[in-house]
Amino acid sequence: MKYTPTAVDGVMIVDLEERGDDRGFFARTFDTTEFEAHGLDTAVVQCNLSYNHVAGTLRGLHRQVPPYAEGKLVRCTAGAIVDVAVDVRPDSPTYGEHVMVELSAANRRALFIPPYVAHGYQTLTDGAEVVYQVSGPYAPEGEQGFRYDDAAFGITWPVPVTVVSDKDAAWPLVQADADAEVAR
């Protein structure tokens, strides 16, 4: 596999190295030894599949808060998405920055998102399917979300948002959340 660091600390693009012949190709999609060598979490405690009916569907931005560490290796297995990782870790050198990477069945690219980094994606095609390998179990009490359209992140989604859950549309804005903390 080929590992490419991004502008957000700990977020890594993982591309396949295909070995082909007249039958097609073979490629490794996960290897604990290689992941460890690149400083990536190798635990996989659950795998999730998300199917999306229409292009423009937006899921996120979500993360688990400490102590509920949940790193993710995200891959699009049908259609195409743009995957976004936003650094919301206050002590991180890349706090406030985000990266956007296209993942598709055609490019077979994956994105590794370390624990405590917010994550979301938008579908670019109808019928987009996304697979996650996750390093920690989902804990509802540890869930935190951020608005996909929060100006604090400066994310420009590539297509109009056609579908977003009520829950994702209702997360507080970062500045409104900070103001509420100060008022407490």
N, C-alpha and C. Protein backbone atom coordinates (compact mmCIF):
# COMPACT_ATOMS: atom_id res chain seq x y z
N MET A 1 0.84 -1.18 0.00
CA MET A 1 0.00 0.00 0.00
C MET A 1 0.88 1.23 0.00
N LYS A 2 0.33 2.31 -0.50
CA LYS A 2 1.03 3.58 -0.52
C LYS A 2 0.34 4.51 0.48
N TYR A 3 1.11 5.14 1.35
CA TYR A 3 0.60 6.00 2.42
C TYR A 3 1.00 7.44 2.15
N THR A 4 0.00 8.33 2.13
CA THR A 4 0.26 9.74 1.86
C THR A 4 -0.31 10.58 3.00
N PRO A 5 0.56 11.24 3.78
CA PRO A 5 0.06 12.12 4.84
C PRO A 5 -0.71 13.29 4.24
N THR A 6 -1.66 13.82 5.01
CA THR A 6 -2.43 14.98 4.58
C THR A 6 -2.07 16.18 5.46
N ALA A 7 -2.76 17.28 5.22
CA ALA A 7 -2.52 18.51 5.99
C ALA A 7 -3.03 18.43 7.42
N VAL A 8 -3.83 17.42 7.74
CA VAL A 8 -4.32 17.24 9.11
C VAL A 8 -3.50 16.15 9.78
N ASP A 9 -2.92 16.47 10.92
CA ASP A 9 -2.05 15.56 11.65
C ASP A 9 -2.74 14.22 11.90
N GLY A 10 -2.11 13.13 11.43
CA GLY A 10 -2.62 11.79 11.66
C GLY A 10 -3.58 11.27 10.61
N VAL A 11 -4.10 12.14 9.75
CA VAL A 11 -5.01 11.71 8.68
C VAL A 11 -4.15 11.27 7.49
N MET A 12 -4.41 10.05 7.00
CA MET A 12 -3.55 9.46 5.98
C MET A 12 -4.39 8.90 4.83
N ILE A 13 -3.97 9.21 3.60
CA ILE A 13 -4.55 8.58 2.42
C ILE A 13 -3.85 7.24 2.21
N VAL A 14 -4.64 6.19 1.98
CA VAL A 14 -4.08 4.86 1.78
C VAL A 14 -4.53 4.37 0.39
N ASP A 15 -3.55 4.23 -0.50
CA ASP A 15 -3.83 3.75 -1.85
C ASP A 15 -3.33 2.32 -2.00
N LEU A 16 -4.02 1.57 -2.84
CA LEU A 16 -3.66 0.18 -3.09
C LEU A 16 -2.46 0.09 -4.02
N GLU A 17 -1.72 -0.98 -3.88
CA GLU A 17 -0.69 -1.35 -4.85
C GLU A 17 -1.19 -2.64 -5.50
N GLU A 18 -1.72 -2.49 -6.68
CA GLU A 18 -2.34 -3.62 -7.37
C GLU A 18 -1.29 -4.50 -8.03
N ARG A 19 -1.47 -5.80 -7.89
CA ARG A 19 -0.64 -6.79 -8.58
C ARG A 19 -1.56 -7.48 -9.58
N GLY A 20 -1.37 -7.17 -10.85
CA GLY A 20 -2.30 -7.65 -11.87
C GLY A 20 -1.74 -8.71 -12.78
N ASP A 21 -2.67 -9.45 -13.35
CA ASP A 21 -2.36 -10.40 -14.41
C ASP A 21 -3.60 -10.52 -15.29
N ASP A 22 -3.65 -11.53 -16.15
CA ASP A 22 -4.76 -11.64 -17.09
C ASP A 22 -6.10 -11.92 -16.41
N ARG A 23 -6.12 -12.29 -15.14
CA ARG A 23 -7.36 -12.52 -14.41
C ARG A 23 -7.94 -11.24 -13.82
N GLY A 24 -7.09 -10.24 -13.60
CA GLY A 24 -7.49 -9.02 -12.91
C GLY A 24 -6.35 -8.55 -12.03
N PHE A 25 -6.64 -8.28 -10.77
CA PHE A 25 -5.56 -7.87 -9.86
C PHE A 25 -5.86 -8.34 -8.45
N PHE A 26 -4.85 -8.26 -7.62
CA PHE A 26 -4.94 -8.55 -6.20
C PHE A 26 -4.28 -7.38 -5.48
N ALA A 27 -4.83 -6.98 -4.35
CA ALA A 27 -4.22 -5.91 -3.56
C ALA A 27 -4.59 -6.09 -2.10
N ARG A 28 -3.65 -5.78 -1.24
CA ARG A 28 -3.91 -5.79 0.19
C ARG A 28 -4.62 -4.49 0.55
N THR A 29 -5.66 -4.55 1.39
CA THR A 29 -6.39 -3.35 1.80
C THR A 29 -6.09 -2.95 3.24
N PHE A 30 -5.46 -3.86 4.00
CA PHE A 30 -5.15 -3.59 5.40
C PHE A 30 -4.02 -4.50 5.82
N ASP A 31 -3.06 -3.96 6.56
CA ASP A 31 -1.92 -4.74 7.03
C ASP A 31 -1.43 -4.11 8.33
N THR A 32 -1.55 -4.84 9.43
CA THR A 32 -1.19 -4.26 10.74
C THR A 32 0.27 -3.83 10.80
N THR A 33 1.16 -4.63 10.20
CA THR A 33 2.58 -4.27 10.24
C THR A 33 2.83 -2.95 9.52
N GLU A 34 2.25 -2.79 8.33
CA GLU A 34 2.42 -1.54 7.58
C GLU A 34 1.76 -0.37 8.31
N PHE A 35 0.56 -0.58 8.82
CA PHE A 35 -0.13 0.49 9.54
C PHE A 35 0.70 0.94 10.74
N GLU A 36 1.22 0.00 11.52
CA GLU A 36 2.06 0.34 12.67
C GLU A 36 3.28 1.12 12.23
N ALA A 37 3.91 0.73 11.13
CA ALA A 37 5.10 1.42 10.63
C ALA A 37 4.80 2.87 10.25
N HIS A 38 3.54 3.17 9.92
CA HIS A 38 3.14 4.52 9.56
C HIS A 38 2.45 5.25 10.72
N GLY A 39 2.48 4.65 11.91
CA GLY A 39 1.91 5.28 13.10
C GLY A 39 0.40 5.27 13.16
N LEU A 40 -0.24 4.34 12.43
CA LEU A 40 -1.70 4.27 12.40
C LEU A 40 -2.20 3.20 13.35
N ASP A 41 -3.36 3.44 13.93
CA ASP A 41 -3.99 2.48 14.82
C ASP A 41 -4.35 1.23 14.03
N THR A 42 -4.01 0.06 14.57
CA THR A 42 -4.26 -1.19 13.85
C THR A 42 -5.45 -1.97 14.38
N ALA A 43 -6.06 -1.52 15.47
CA ALA A 43 -7.20 -2.25 16.02
C ALA A 43 -8.40 -2.13 15.09
N VAL A 44 -9.10 -3.23 14.90
CA VAL A 44 -10.38 -3.22 14.19
C VAL A 44 -11.34 -4.01 15.07
N VAL A 45 -12.29 -3.27 15.68
CA VAL A 45 -13.25 -3.93 16.56
C VAL A 45 -14.64 -4.03 15.94
N GLN A 46 -14.88 -3.27 14.90
CA GLN A 46 -16.14 -3.41 14.17
C GLN A 46 -15.96 -2.86 12.77
N CYS A 47 -16.80 -3.34 11.86
CA CYS A 47 -16.84 -2.84 10.50
C CYS A 47 -18.27 -2.41 10.21
N ASN A 48 -18.42 -1.27 9.55
CA ASN A 48 -19.73 -0.71 9.27
C ASN A 48 -19.89 -0.47 7.78
N LEU A 49 -21.13 -0.54 7.31
CA LEU A 49 -21.46 -0.29 5.92
C LEU A 49 -22.56 0.75 5.88
N SER A 50 -22.39 1.76 5.03
CA SER A 50 -23.39 2.81 4.87
C SER A 50 -23.76 2.87 3.39
N TYR A 51 -25.06 2.77 3.11
CA TYR A 51 -25.55 2.87 1.74
C TYR A 51 -26.34 4.18 1.62
N ASN A 52 -26.19 4.87 0.50
CA ASN A 52 -26.82 6.17 0.29
C ASN A 52 -27.54 6.18 -1.05
N HIS A 53 -28.83 6.50 -1.02
CA HIS A 53 -29.66 6.43 -2.23
C HIS A 53 -29.28 7.48 -3.28
N VAL A 54 -29.10 8.74 -2.86
CA VAL A 54 -28.96 9.81 -3.87
C VAL A 54 -27.68 10.63 -3.69
N ALA A 55 -27.21 11.15 -4.81
CA ALA A 55 -26.06 12.06 -4.80
C ALA A 55 -26.41 13.30 -4.00
N GLY A 56 -25.42 13.84 -3.31
CA GLY A 56 -25.62 15.03 -2.49
C GLY A 56 -25.95 14.72 -1.05
N THR A 57 -26.14 13.43 -0.72
CA THR A 57 -26.40 13.05 0.67
C THR A 57 -25.19 13.39 1.51
N LEU A 58 -25.43 13.98 2.67
CA LEU A 58 -24.35 14.37 3.56
C LEU A 58 -24.51 13.65 4.89
N ARG A 59 -23.43 13.03 5.34
CA ARG A 59 -23.40 12.38 6.65
C ARG A 59 -22.25 12.98 7.44
N GLY A 60 -22.56 13.48 8.63
CA GLY A 60 -21.51 14.03 9.49
C GLY A 60 -21.74 15.49 9.76
N LEU A 61 -20.88 16.06 10.44
CA LEU A 61 -19.55 15.67 10.90
C LEU A 61 -19.67 15.07 12.30
N HIS A 62 -19.04 13.91 12.53
CA HIS A 62 -19.14 13.20 13.80
C HIS A 62 -17.76 12.83 14.32
N ARG A 63 -17.71 12.61 15.63
CA ARG A 63 -16.55 11.99 16.27
C ARG A 63 -16.98 11.44 17.62
N GLN A 64 -16.13 10.63 18.21
CA GLN A 64 -16.30 10.17 19.58
C GLN A 64 -15.34 10.99 20.44
N VAL A 65 -15.78 11.43 21.60
CA VAL A 65 -14.94 12.22 22.51
C VAL A 65 -14.22 11.30 23.48
N PRO A 66 -13.11 11.77 24.07
CA PRO A 66 -12.40 10.95 25.05
C PRO A 66 -13.34 10.56 26.19
N PRO A 67 -13.25 9.36 26.68
CA PRO A 67 -12.22 8.34 26.40
C PRO A 67 -12.62 7.34 25.31
N TYR A 68 -13.58 7.67 24.49
CA TYR A 68 -14.13 6.73 23.50
C TYR A 68 -13.39 6.85 22.16
N ALA A 69 -12.15 6.41 22.14
CA ALA A 69 -11.33 6.51 20.94
C ALA A 69 -11.92 5.68 19.81
N GLU A 70 -12.02 6.28 18.64
CA GLU A 70 -12.59 5.59 17.48
C GLU A 70 -11.89 6.09 16.22
N GLY A 71 -10.79 5.42 15.84
CA GLY A 71 -10.17 5.70 14.55
C GLY A 71 -10.94 4.98 13.46
N LYS A 72 -10.83 5.48 12.22
CA LYS A 72 -11.60 4.89 11.12
C LYS A 72 -10.74 4.77 9.88
N LEU A 73 -10.90 3.66 9.18
CA LEU A 73 -10.38 3.52 7.82
C LEU A 73 -11.61 3.45 6.94
N VAL A 74 -11.78 4.45 6.08
CA VAL A 74 -13.01 4.62 5.29
C VAL A 74 -12.70 4.37 3.82
N ARG A 75 -13.56 3.57 3.18
CA ARG A 75 -13.39 3.25 1.77
C ARG A 75 -14.76 3.25 1.09
N CYS A 76 -14.85 3.79 -0.11
CA CYS A 76 -16.08 3.78 -0.89
C CYS A 76 -16.02 2.58 -1.83
N THR A 77 -17.00 1.67 -1.71
CA THR A 77 -16.97 0.44 -2.49
C THR A 77 -17.94 0.45 -3.67
N ALA A 78 -18.83 1.45 -3.72
CA ALA A 78 -19.73 1.62 -4.87
C ALA A 78 -19.98 3.11 -5.02
N GLY A 79 -19.89 3.61 -6.26
CA GLY A 79 -20.10 5.03 -6.49
C GLY A 79 -18.91 5.87 -6.06
N ALA A 80 -19.20 7.09 -5.57
CA ALA A 80 -18.13 8.01 -5.19
C ALA A 80 -18.61 8.96 -4.10
N ILE A 81 -17.67 9.36 -3.25
CA ILE A 81 -17.93 10.33 -2.18
C ILE A 81 -16.75 11.29 -2.07
N VAL A 82 -16.96 12.40 -1.38
CA VAL A 82 -15.84 13.18 -0.85
C VAL A 82 -15.89 12.99 0.65
N ASP A 83 -14.76 12.60 1.19
CA ASP A 83 -14.63 12.35 2.62
C ASP A 83 -13.89 13.53 3.23
N VAL A 84 -14.38 14.00 4.37
CA VAL A 84 -13.78 15.17 5.03
C VAL A 84 -13.39 14.81 6.45
N ALA A 85 -12.17 15.18 6.83
CA ALA A 85 -11.69 15.04 8.19
C ALA A 85 -11.37 16.44 8.70
N VAL A 86 -11.95 16.79 9.86
CA VAL A 86 -11.75 18.12 10.45
C VAL A 86 -11.05 17.94 11.80
N ASP A 87 -9.94 18.61 11.98
CA ASP A 87 -9.20 18.49 13.23
C ASP A 87 -9.84 19.38 14.29
N VAL A 88 -10.52 18.75 15.22
CA VAL A 88 -11.16 19.48 16.32
C VAL A 88 -10.50 19.12 17.65
N ARG A 89 -9.28 18.60 17.59
CA ARG A 89 -8.51 18.27 18.79
C ARG A 89 -7.79 19.54 19.24
N PRO A 90 -8.18 20.12 20.39
CA PRO A 90 -7.63 21.42 20.80
C PRO A 90 -6.11 21.47 20.91
N ASP A 91 -5.46 20.37 21.25
CA ASP A 91 -4.01 20.37 21.42
C ASP A 91 -3.24 19.97 20.17
N SER A 92 -3.94 19.80 19.06
CA SER A 92 -3.30 19.35 17.82
C SER A 92 -2.62 20.51 17.10
N PRO A 93 -1.48 20.26 16.46
CA PRO A 93 -0.82 21.33 15.68
C PRO A 93 -1.63 21.75 14.45
N THR A 94 -2.59 20.93 14.04
CA THR A 94 -3.41 21.27 12.87
C THR A 94 -4.86 21.56 13.26
N TYR A 95 -5.07 21.95 14.52
CA TYR A 95 -6.42 22.26 15.00
C TYR A 95 -7.12 23.25 14.07
N GLY A 96 -8.36 22.94 13.73
CA GLY A 96 -9.18 23.82 12.89
C GLY A 96 -9.03 23.57 11.40
N GLU A 97 -8.05 22.77 11.00
CA GLU A 97 -7.85 22.50 9.58
C GLU A 97 -8.67 21.28 9.15
N HIS A 98 -8.93 21.20 7.85
CA HIS A 98 -9.63 20.04 7.33
C HIS A 98 -9.01 19.60 6.01
N VAL A 99 -9.27 18.34 5.66
CA VAL A 99 -8.88 17.81 4.36
C VAL A 99 -10.11 17.17 3.74
N MET A 100 -10.16 17.23 2.42
CA MET A 100 -11.25 16.62 1.65
C MET A 100 -10.60 15.73 0.60
N VAL A 101 -11.01 14.46 0.56
CA VAL A 101 -10.42 13.48 -0.34
C VAL A 101 -11.54 12.73 -1.05
N GLU A 102 -11.43 12.60 -2.37
CA GLU A 102 -12.42 11.81 -3.10
C GLU A 102 -12.08 10.33 -2.96
N LEU A 103 -13.08 9.58 -2.53
CA LEU A 103 -12.97 8.13 -2.44
C LEU A 103 -14.02 7.55 -3.38
N SER A 104 -13.63 6.56 -4.16
CA SER A 104 -14.60 5.99 -5.10
C SER A 104 -14.29 4.53 -5.35
N ALA A 105 -15.27 3.83 -5.90
CA ALA A 105 -15.05 2.45 -6.30
C ALA A 105 -13.98 2.40 -7.38
N ALA A 106 -13.90 3.43 -8.20
CA ALA A 106 -12.93 3.46 -9.29
C ALA A 106 -11.50 3.68 -8.80
N ASN A 107 -11.29 4.59 -7.83
CA ASN A 107 -9.92 4.86 -7.39
C ASN A 107 -9.48 3.96 -6.23
N ARG A 108 -10.43 3.28 -5.59
CA ARG A 108 -10.15 2.31 -4.53
C ARG A 108 -9.33 2.89 -3.39
N ARG A 109 -9.34 4.18 -3.24
CA ARG A 109 -8.58 4.89 -2.21
C ARG A 109 -9.31 4.79 -0.86
N ALA A 110 -8.55 4.81 0.23
CA ALA A 110 -9.11 4.83 1.57
C ALA A 110 -8.54 6.02 2.32
N LEU A 111 -9.24 6.44 3.36
CA LEU A 111 -8.77 7.53 4.21
C LEU A 111 -8.78 7.04 5.65
N PHE A 112 -7.64 7.19 6.32
CA PHE A 112 -7.54 6.86 7.73
C PHE A 112 -7.76 8.14 8.53
N ILE A 113 -8.72 8.09 9.46
CA ILE A 113 -9.03 9.23 10.33
C ILE A 113 -8.74 8.79 11.76
N PRO A 114 -7.79 9.47 12.44
CA PRO A 114 -7.44 9.05 13.80
C PRO A 114 -8.53 9.42 14.80
N PRO A 115 -8.48 8.82 15.98
CA PRO A 115 -9.47 9.13 17.02
C PRO A 115 -9.54 10.63 17.30
N TYR A 116 -10.75 11.07 17.61
CA TYR A 116 -11.08 12.43 18.05
C TYR A 116 -11.06 13.47 16.93
N VAL A 117 -10.85 13.05 15.69
CA VAL A 117 -10.96 13.94 14.53
C VAL A 117 -12.38 13.79 13.99
N ALA A 118 -13.05 14.90 13.70
CA ALA A 118 -14.42 14.85 13.17
C ALA A 118 -14.38 14.36 11.72
N HIS A 119 -15.42 13.63 11.35
CA HIS A 119 -15.46 13.01 10.03
C HIS A 119 -16.86 13.11 9.44
N GLY A 120 -16.91 13.34 8.15
CA GLY A 120 -18.17 13.32 7.43
C GLY A 120 -17.89 13.12 5.95
N TYR A 121 -18.96 12.86 5.21
CA TYR A 121 -18.78 12.73 3.76
C TYR A 121 -20.04 13.13 3.04
N GLN A 122 -19.84 13.43 1.75
CA GLN A 122 -20.96 13.75 0.86
C GLN A 122 -20.87 12.82 -0.34
N THR A 123 -22.04 12.28 -0.74
CA THR A 123 -22.06 11.38 -1.90
C THR A 123 -22.03 12.19 -3.19
N LEU A 124 -21.25 11.71 -4.14
CA LEU A 124 -21.15 12.34 -5.45
C LEU A 124 -21.99 11.61 -6.49
N THR A 125 -22.43 10.40 -6.13
CA THR A 125 -23.22 9.57 -7.05
C THR A 125 -24.41 8.98 -6.30
N ASP A 126 -25.42 8.61 -7.05
CA ASP A 126 -26.49 7.80 -6.47
C ASP A 126 -25.91 6.43 -6.14
N GLY A 127 -26.46 5.79 -5.12
CA GLY A 127 -26.04 4.43 -4.80
C GLY A 127 -24.64 4.30 -4.23
N ALA A 128 -24.16 5.33 -3.57
CA ALA A 128 -22.81 5.27 -2.98
C ALA A 128 -22.83 4.40 -1.73
N GLU A 129 -21.83 3.54 -1.63
CA GLU A 129 -21.71 2.63 -0.49
C GLU A 129 -20.35 2.83 0.16
N VAL A 130 -20.34 2.95 1.48
CA VAL A 130 -19.11 3.27 2.21
C VAL A 130 -18.90 2.22 3.30
N VAL A 131 -17.66 1.71 3.40
CA VAL A 131 -17.28 0.73 4.40
C VAL A 131 -16.28 1.37 5.35
N TYR A 132 -16.52 1.17 6.65
CA TYR A 132 -15.62 1.68 7.69
C TYR A 132 -15.05 0.51 8.48
N GLN A 133 -13.74 0.49 8.69
CA GLN A 133 -13.12 -0.35 9.70
C GLN A 133 -12.88 0.59 10.87
N VAL A 134 -13.35 0.21 12.06
CA VAL A 134 -13.34 1.13 13.20
C VAL A 134 -12.54 0.51 14.34
N SER A 135 -11.73 1.34 15.02
CA SER A 135 -10.82 0.85 16.05
C SER A 135 -11.44 0.77 17.44
N GLY A 136 -12.62 1.32 17.61
CA GLY A 136 -13.28 1.27 18.91
C GLY A 136 -14.77 1.13 18.73
N PRO A 137 -15.45 0.55 19.72
CA PRO A 137 -16.90 0.40 19.58
C PRO A 137 -17.60 1.74 19.69
N TYR A 138 -18.69 1.88 18.95
CA TYR A 138 -19.49 3.10 19.03
C TYR A 138 -20.09 3.21 20.43
N ALA A 139 -19.98 4.39 21.02
CA ALA A 139 -20.54 4.66 22.35
C ALA A 139 -21.45 5.88 22.23
N PRO A 140 -22.77 5.70 22.26
CA PRO A 140 -23.68 6.84 22.11
C PRO A 140 -23.38 7.99 23.06
N GLU A 141 -22.96 7.66 24.29
CA GLU A 141 -22.66 8.72 25.26
C GLU A 141 -21.39 9.50 24.92
N GLY A 142 -20.59 9.00 23.98
CA GLY A 142 -19.38 9.69 23.57
C GLY A 142 -19.49 10.40 22.23
N GLU A 143 -20.69 10.39 21.64
CA GLU A 143 -20.85 11.01 20.32
C GLU A 143 -20.88 12.53 20.41
N GLN A 144 -20.19 13.16 19.49
CA GLN A 144 -20.23 14.61 19.34
C GLN A 144 -20.35 14.92 17.86
N GLY A 145 -21.07 15.95 17.54
CA GLY A 145 -21.23 16.33 16.14
C GLY A 145 -21.02 17.80 15.92
N PHE A 146 -20.76 18.13 14.68
CA PHE A 146 -20.52 19.51 14.25
C PHE A 146 -21.32 19.73 12.98
N ARG A 147 -21.78 20.93 12.78
CA ARG A 147 -22.56 21.23 11.59
C ARG A 147 -21.69 21.18 10.34
N TYR A 148 -22.20 20.53 9.33
CA TYR A 148 -21.49 20.39 8.06
C TYR A 148 -21.30 21.73 7.36
N ASP A 149 -22.16 22.71 7.69
CA ASP A 149 -22.11 24.02 7.04
C ASP A 149 -21.56 25.11 7.96
N ASP A 150 -20.86 24.72 9.02
CA ASP A 150 -20.31 25.69 9.97
C ASP A 150 -19.18 26.48 9.29
N ALA A 151 -19.34 27.78 9.24
CA ALA A 151 -18.33 28.64 8.60
C ALA A 151 -16.97 28.54 9.27
N ALA A 152 -16.93 28.12 10.53
CA ALA A 152 -15.66 28.00 11.24
C ALA A 152 -14.73 26.99 10.57
N PHE A 153 -15.29 26.02 9.83
CA PHE A 153 -14.46 25.01 9.19
C PHE A 153 -14.09 25.36 7.76
N GLY A 154 -14.86 26.23 7.11
CA GLY A 154 -14.56 26.64 5.75
C GLY A 154 -14.65 25.52 4.73
N ILE A 155 -15.54 24.57 4.95
CA ILE A 155 -15.69 23.45 4.01
C ILE A 155 -16.60 23.87 2.87
N THR A 156 -16.13 23.68 1.64
CA THR A 156 -16.95 23.90 0.45
C THR A 156 -17.28 22.54 -0.11
N TRP A 157 -18.51 22.10 0.10
CA TRP A 157 -18.94 20.80 -0.41
C TRP A 157 -19.08 20.89 -1.92
N PRO A 158 -18.70 19.85 -2.66
CA PRO A 158 -18.63 19.96 -4.12
C PRO A 158 -19.97 20.00 -4.85
N VAL A 159 -21.03 19.46 -4.25
CA VAL A 159 -22.34 19.48 -4.89
C VAL A 159 -23.36 19.97 -3.86
N PRO A 160 -24.50 20.46 -4.30
CA PRO A 160 -25.52 20.90 -3.33
C PRO A 160 -25.93 19.74 -2.41
N VAL A 161 -26.19 20.07 -1.15
CA VAL A 161 -26.64 19.07 -0.19
C VAL A 161 -28.10 18.77 -0.48
N THR A 162 -28.40 17.50 -0.80
CA THR A 162 -29.77 17.11 -1.13
C THR A 162 -30.46 16.41 0.04
N VAL A 163 -29.69 15.68 0.85
CA VAL A 163 -30.24 14.95 1.99
C VAL A 163 -29.27 15.09 3.16
N VAL A 164 -29.81 15.46 4.32
CA VAL A 164 -29.04 15.48 5.57
C VAL A 164 -30.03 15.13 6.68
N SER A 165 -29.59 14.37 7.65
CA SER A 165 -30.50 13.99 8.73
C SER A 165 -30.83 15.21 9.60
N ASP A 166 -31.97 15.15 10.26
CA ASP A 166 -32.34 16.22 11.19
C ASP A 166 -31.28 16.37 12.27
N LYS A 167 -30.75 15.26 12.74
CA LYS A 167 -29.72 15.28 13.78
C LYS A 167 -28.47 16.01 13.30
N ASP A 168 -27.99 15.69 12.07
CA ASP A 168 -26.79 16.35 11.56
C ASP A 168 -27.02 17.83 11.28
N ALA A 169 -28.22 18.19 10.87
CA ALA A 169 -28.53 19.60 10.61
C ALA A 169 -28.67 20.41 11.88
N ALA A 170 -28.87 19.74 13.02
CA ALA A 170 -29.13 20.44 14.29
C ALA A 170 -27.92 20.56 15.21
N TRP A 171 -26.77 20.00 14.84
CA TRP A 171 -25.61 20.15 15.72
C TRP A 171 -25.32 21.64 15.90
N PRO A 172 -24.80 22.06 17.06
CA PRO A 172 -24.53 23.48 17.26
C PRO A 172 -23.34 23.96 16.43
N LEU A 173 -23.35 25.24 16.12
CA LEU A 173 -22.20 25.85 15.46
C LEU A 173 -21.05 25.93 16.45
N VAL A 174 -19.82 25.86 15.97
CA VAL A 174 -18.65 25.90 16.85
C VAL A 174 -18.65 27.18 17.69
N GLN A 175 -18.88 28.32 17.08
CA GLN A 175 -18.85 29.58 17.83
C GLN A 175 -19.99 29.64 18.84
N ALA A 176 -21.17 29.17 18.46
CA ALA A 176 -22.31 29.17 19.39
C ALA A 176 -22.01 28.25 20.56
N ASP A 177 -21.36 27.11 20.29
CA ASP A 177 -20.99 26.17 21.34
C ASP A 177 -19.96 26.79 22.28
N ALA A 178 -18.97 27.51 21.71
CA ALA A 178 -17.94 28.17 22.52
C ALA A 178 -18.57 29.27 23.38
N ASP A 179 -19.51 30.02 22.82
CA ASP A 179 -20.18 31.08 23.58
C ASP A 179 -20.96 30.49 24.74
N ALA A 180 -21.60 29.33 24.52
CA ALA A 180 -22.37 28.67 25.58
C ALA A 180 -21.43 28.20 26.71
N GLU A 181 -20.23 27.70 26.35
CA GLU A 181 -19.25 27.27 27.35
C GLU A 181 -18.83 28.44 28.21
N VAL A 182 -18.55 29.61 27.59
CA VAL A 182 -18.12 30.80 28.31
C VAL A 182 -19.22 31.26 29.25
N ALA A 183 -20.47 31.17 28.82
CA ALA A 183 -21.59 31.63 29.63
C ALA A 183 -21.83 30.75 30.86
N ARG A 184 -21.36 29.51 30.84
CA ARG A 184 -21.57 28.58 31.97
C ARG A 184 -20.74 28.93 33.15
